[in-house]
Protein backbone atom coordinates (compact mmCIF):
# COMPACT_ATOMS: atom_id res chain seq x y z
CA MET A 1 0.22 0.15 0.06
CA GLU A 2 1.50 3.18 -1.21
CA ALA A 3 0.95 6.49 0.96
CA LYS A 4 -0.88 9.56 -0.19
CA PRO A 5 1.37 11.90 -1.47
CA TRP A 6 2.20 14.49 0.76
CA ARG A 7 0.42 17.73 -0.62
CA ASP A 8 -2.64 15.27 -0.14
CA ARG A 9 -1.61 14.55 3.35
CA VAL A 10 -1.45 18.29 4.04
CA ARG A 11 -4.38 19.25 2.16
CA GLN A 12 -6.33 17.07 4.29
CA GLU A 13 -5.04 17.62 8.01
CA GLU A 14 -5.14 21.52 7.13
CA GLU A 15 -9.21 20.52 5.96
CA LEU A 16 -9.29 18.22 10.15
CA VAL A 17 -7.51 21.95 11.59
CA GLU A 18 -10.52 24.18 10.00
CA GLN A 19 -13.22 21.68 11.10
CA LEU A 20 -11.62 21.02 14.31
CA GLN A 21 -11.33 25.61 14.84
CA LEU A 22 -15.22 25.46 13.82
CA GLN A 23 -16.42 22.95 15.99
CA VAL A 24 -14.32 24.67 19.19
CA SER A 25 -16.22 28.32 18.05
CA GLN A 26 -19.45 26.59 17.83
CA SER A 27 -18.70 25.00 21.42
CA ALA A 28 -17.19 28.24 23.20
CA LYS A 29 -20.77 29.48 21.94
CA ARG A 30 -22.47 27.42 23.35
CA ARG A 31 -20.64 27.23 27.09
CA ALA A 32 -21.62 31.03 26.80
CA GLU A 33 -24.98 30.62 26.59
CA ALA A 34 -25.03 28.38 29.91
CA LEU A 35 -22.70 30.23 31.52
CA LEU A 36 -25.62 33.29 31.00
CA GLU A 37 -27.85 30.70 31.81
CA GLY A 38 -26.01 29.69 35.10
CA VAL A 39 -25.99 33.85 36.41
CA ALA A 40 -29.10 34.37 35.33
CA GLU A 41 -29.66 31.31 37.63
CA LEU A 42 -27.51 32.59 40.40
CA GLY A 43 -27.77 36.06 40.17
CA SER A 44 -23.62 36.58 39.33
CA VAL A 45 -20.75 35.78 37.38
CA ALA A 46 -18.71 35.68 41.18
CA GLU A 47 -21.50 33.04 41.55
CA VAL A 48 -21.37 30.62 38.89
CA ALA A 49 -17.28 31.33 39.22
CA ARG A 50 -17.63 29.70 43.04
CA ALA A 51 -20.14 26.65 41.82
CA LEU A 52 -17.40 25.85 38.60
CA GLY A 53 -14.38 26.24 40.41
CA LYS A 54 -13.56 28.59 38.35
CA SER A 55 -11.87 32.38 38.72
CA TRP A 56 -14.38 34.75 38.38
CA ASN A 57 -12.59 36.22 35.69
CA ALA A 58 -12.28 33.31 33.48
CA VAL A 59 -15.88 32.50 33.62
CA ASP A 60 -16.63 36.69 32.91
CA LYS A 61 -13.99 36.50 29.93
CA ALA A 62 -16.00 33.62 27.98
CA ILE A 63 -19.37 35.45 28.49
CA LYS A 64 -18.00 38.38 27.03
CA LYS A 65 -15.76 36.47 24.27
CA ASN A 66 -18.68 34.60 22.96
CA ALA A 67 -21.42 35.99 23.70
CA PRO A 68 -23.79 34.66 20.88
CA THR A 69 -25.93 38.47 21.61
CA LYS A 70 -23.47 41.25 22.79
CA GLY A 71 -24.48 43.78 25.58
CA HIS A 72 -24.95 41.29 27.88
CA ASP A 73 -23.71 43.20 31.82
CA THR A 74 -21.46 40.36 33.78
CA THR A 75 -20.08 43.12 35.87
CA GLU A 76 -22.90 43.17 38.80
């Protein structure tokens, strides 16, 4: 069995990277939505962070960077 030419392998890997990047982006948006639901339920980003064992800054940043709609105030 002959190996694929290197150009074909590079092209195939580039396509895979693109697919994975899209999946990561979509996952980050879903995660931000879930974090926002947590904020609505618990009342603040700080409470969500405590519940998850994460820093307030990490949760706030994830929401701000990936929230599906802009304008969410997470400073409460």
